[in-house]
């Protein structure tokens, strides 16, 4: 069943309204009308049953009932991903949102394919819309946070407990998770198509990051992001 995003500030006292682009989605695309029942969510983890009272392409309002908190997975993944192609980035954002990733952190690594920080305002708007659409499609009530790009060195400083996908003789991710704990926040670093360079490996290991394997085969960057999310959230 489709759900619709209404900002938390626009929900209260048993009522809701919206004046943004979601109106066109509700009225013009999904053809909802006054008297229709809908599911709405606030992006912060809560869903509601809604009853539309007024429906225009520029304004929708109604009443709400049955507020419920939708639980998130016990592991909260901070996904640090390197710049890859536009299509690959959009795929990983969509699928990792559906899988339950908590926050997205674009990283500019030595072998990144492109400057992910270029035209960030426009890019972040599109990426946030992709993430929101994935939440609406999947029924997820929490919208993951999208952070601005940082260098690899900056990312390491803010990551906390972390694993990084690497080639070679490394432990499986599931095995590493047993040592790190299966709840709370954990940062996952996924490199670009060319992998991490030697200096990045040195910095990560010095910071206490745990190198992990995502399987026997070499994965594309976007597939690696999805695989890590599945392994951690299953």
Foldseek 3Di string as FASTA:
>chain_A
DFEFEFAPVQDDPFKGKDQDQSLCCCCVVVNDAQQDWHWYAHQAFKIWIWGWHHHDSGMTMTGTDDIDGHDAFQEAEEEEEEADDPVLVLLLLLLLLLLGHAAYEYEHAPPGPDDCQPPVVVVVVVSQVSQVVSCRVNVGRHRHYYDHYDYLLVCLVPFPAEAEEDDDDFAAPLVVCVVVDLGDYYYYYFYAQVGHDPVSVVSCVVSVYGYHHLDDDDDHRSVSSNSSSVSNRD
